[in-house]
Amino acid sequence: MNVSELLRRKGSEVTVVDPDATIAAAAALLVSQRIGALVVTDDAGGIAGIISERDIVRSIVELGGAGLDARVSEVMTAPVQTCDRGDLVEGLMSVMTERRIRHLPVERDGRLEGIISIGDVVKHRVEELEDERRHLTDYIQTGR
């Protein structure tokens, strides 16, 4: 399965944040949306960075309470590892594992088109394994 099909199933909505927003505002957005990362977009709608729960925790540890008043642009991860609609989900698993990241924005011609999380990838893999189990069970039971 490729990213395009995965986005078709899950949707392409992405919660974004402005680079000038505070870390406190970004954290509140993560909580309200029940997500783990926000894509930081520039004025043209391009991907400027990504900020995750991990980035926020790091800023608070490094800056103390003042970390909540820092700007997203000061804490975000940039440049961002992205993926394309044609990429295979299996390849995303490798990228996420090797780079120790949990979110991959989907980018096309410099524009944000969606986001794939490690949860999306795991859900897809579990569904694949469940289908395989069903096929094997049918084969064993029916002989065909």
Protein backbone atom coordinates (compact mmCIF):
# COMPACT_ATOMS: atom_id res chain seq x y z
CA MET A 1 0.00 0.00 0.00
CA ASN A 2 1.21 3.50 -0.73
CA VAL A 3 0.81 6.77 1.17
CA SER A 4 -1.93 7.97 -1.19
CA GLU A 5 -4.12 4.97 -0.34
CA LEU A 6 -3.41 5.33 3.37
CA LEU A 7 -4.42 9.02 3.24
CA ARG A 8 -7.57 8.09 1.32
CA ARG A 9 -8.55 5.78 4.17
CA LYS A 10 -7.58 7.99 7.11
CA GLY A 11 -8.07 11.45 5.65
CA SER A 12 -5.61 14.19 4.87
CA GLU A 13 -6.47 16.68 7.60
CA VAL A 14 -3.40 18.09 9.35
CA THR A 15 -3.33 20.33 12.40
CA VAL A 16 -0.82 23.10 11.83
CA VAL A 17 0.70 25.82 13.98
CA ASP A 18 2.27 29.18 13.21
CA PRO A 19 6.03 29.49 13.85
CA ASP A 20 5.38 32.54 16.06
CA ALA A 21 2.96 30.70 18.38
CA THR A 22 4.17 30.02 21.91
CA ILE A 23 5.10 26.56 23.11
CA ALA A 24 2.22 26.80 25.61
CA ALA A 25 -0.22 27.42 22.74
CA ALA A 26 1.25 24.53 20.74
CA ALA A 27 0.98 22.21 23.75
CA ALA A 28 -2.65 23.24 24.29
CA LEU A 29 -3.38 22.48 20.62
CA LEU A 30 -1.78 19.04 20.92
CA VAL A 31 -3.94 18.30 23.96
CA SER A 32 -7.17 19.60 22.45
CA GLN A 33 -6.66 17.65 19.21
CA ARG A 34 -5.33 14.55 20.99
CA ILE A 35 -2.33 14.31 18.68
CA GLY A 36 1.42 14.04 19.11
CA ALA A 37 2.81 16.55 16.62
CA LEU A 38 1.98 19.74 14.75
CA VAL A 39 3.29 20.73 11.36
CA VAL A 40 4.68 24.26 11.41
CA THR A 41 3.72 26.10 8.25
CA ASP A 42 5.09 29.27 6.70
CA ASP A 43 3.06 32.10 5.16
CA ALA A 44 2.92 30.31 1.81
CA GLY A 45 1.56 27.10 3.35
CA GLY A 46 4.87 25.28 3.01
CA ILE A 47 6.38 23.08 5.70
CA ALA A 48 8.70 25.12 7.92
CA GLY A 49 9.15 22.49 10.63
CA ILE A 50 7.43 20.06 12.94
CA ILE A 51 6.97 20.24 16.68
CA SER A 52 6.21 17.18 18.76
CA GLU A 53 5.56 16.42 22.39
CA ARG A 54 9.21 15.40 22.59
CA ASP A 55 10.35 18.83 21.37
CA ILE A 56 8.14 20.55 23.94
CA VAL A 57 9.45 18.45 26.81
CA ARG A 58 13.02 19.14 25.70
CA SER A 59 12.38 22.91 25.68
CA ILE A 60 10.94 22.83 29.19
CA VAL A 61 13.86 20.79 30.49
CA GLU A 62 16.39 23.11 28.85
CA LEU A 63 14.65 26.43 29.55
CA GLY A 64 12.55 25.67 32.61
CA GLY A 65 9.19 27.42 32.86
CA ALA A 66 10.39 30.01 30.34
CA GLY A 67 10.24 27.21 27.76
CA LEU A 68 6.48 27.64 27.63
CA ASP A 69 6.91 31.24 26.44
CA ALA A 70 9.41 30.32 23.73
CA ARG A 71 8.27 30.49 20.11
CA VAL A 72 7.56 27.34 18.14
CA SER A 73 10.22 28.39 15.62
CA GLU A 74 12.85 28.22 18.38
CA VAL A 75 12.00 24.65 19.36
CA MET A 76 10.68 22.94 16.20
CA THR A 77 12.60 20.34 14.27
CA ALA A 78 13.73 21.62 10.88
CA PRO A 79 14.32 20.61 8.20
CA VAL A 80 11.55 18.03 8.28
CA GLN A 81 11.74 14.50 6.95
CA THR A 82 8.75 14.17 4.63
CA CYS A 83 7.24 11.54 2.39
CA ASP A 84 5.45 11.52 -0.94
CA ARG A 85 2.04 10.13 -1.91
CA GLY A 86 3.74 7.43 -3.99
CA ASP A 87 5.94 6.11 -1.17
CA LEU A 88 5.19 2.63 0.13
CA VAL A 89 4.09 2.22 3.74
CA GLU A 90 6.77 -0.43 4.25
CA GLY A 91 9.41 2.17 3.37
CA LEU A 92 7.94 4.59 5.90
CA MET A 93 8.41 1.98 8.62
CA SER A 94 12.12 1.88 7.85
CA VAL A 95 12.48 5.67 7.79
CA MET A 96 10.59 6.07 11.06
CA THR A 97 12.61 3.36 12.77
CA GLU A 98 16.01 4.51 11.51
CA ARG A 99 15.42 8.21 12.21
CA ARG A 100 13.46 7.60 15.44
CA ILE A 101 10.55 9.76 14.33
CA ARG A 102 6.84 9.20 14.75
CA HIS A 103 5.34 11.58 12.19
CA LEU A 104 6.00 12.12 8.49
CA PRO A 105 4.27 15.01 6.74
CA VAL A 106 3.20 14.23 3.18
CA GLU A 107 4.55 16.85 0.80
CA ARG A 108 3.95 17.49 -2.88
CA ASP A 109 5.51 20.38 -4.79
CA GLY A 110 6.40 22.07 -1.51
CA ARG A 111 2.83 21.89 -0.19
CA LEU A 112 1.50 19.95 2.80
CA GLU A 113 -0.94 17.22 1.76
CA GLY A 114 -1.32 15.12 4.89
CA ILE A 115 0.57 13.43 7.69
CA ILE A 116 1.37 9.81 8.47
CA SER A 117 1.95 8.76 12.07
CA ILE A 118 3.58 5.65 13.44
CA GLY A 119 0.09 4.69 14.63
CA ASP A 120 -1.17 4.78 11.03
CA VAL A 121 1.70 2.56 9.93
CA VAL A 122 1.20 0.08 12.78
CA LYS A 123 -2.56 -0.07 12.14
CA HIS A 124 -1.90 -0.85 8.47
CA ARG A 125 0.59 -3.59 9.38
CA VAL A 126 -1.80 -5.17 11.91
CA GLU A 127 -4.54 -5.22 9.25
CA GLU A 128 -2.14 -6.90 6.82
CA LEU A 129 -1.22 -9.55 9.38
CA GLU A 130 -4.88 -10.15 10.22
CA ASP A 131 -5.72 -10.63 6.52
CA GLU A 132 -2.80 -13.04 6.17
CA ARG A 133 -3.96 -15.01 9.21
CA ARG A 134 -7.49 -15.26 7.78
CA HIS A 135 -6.18 -16.49 4.44
CA LEU A 136 -3.97 -19.09 6.08
CA THR A 137 -6.80 -20.26 8.32
CA ASP A 138 -9.10 -20.60 5.30
CA TYR A 139 -6.43 -22.49 3.42
CA ILE A 140 -5.84 -24.89 6.30
CA GLN A 141 -9.55 -25.47 6.85
CA THR A 142 -10.60 -25.81 3.21
CA GLY A 143 -7.41 -27.01 1.57
CA ARG A 144 -7.56 -24.29 -1.06
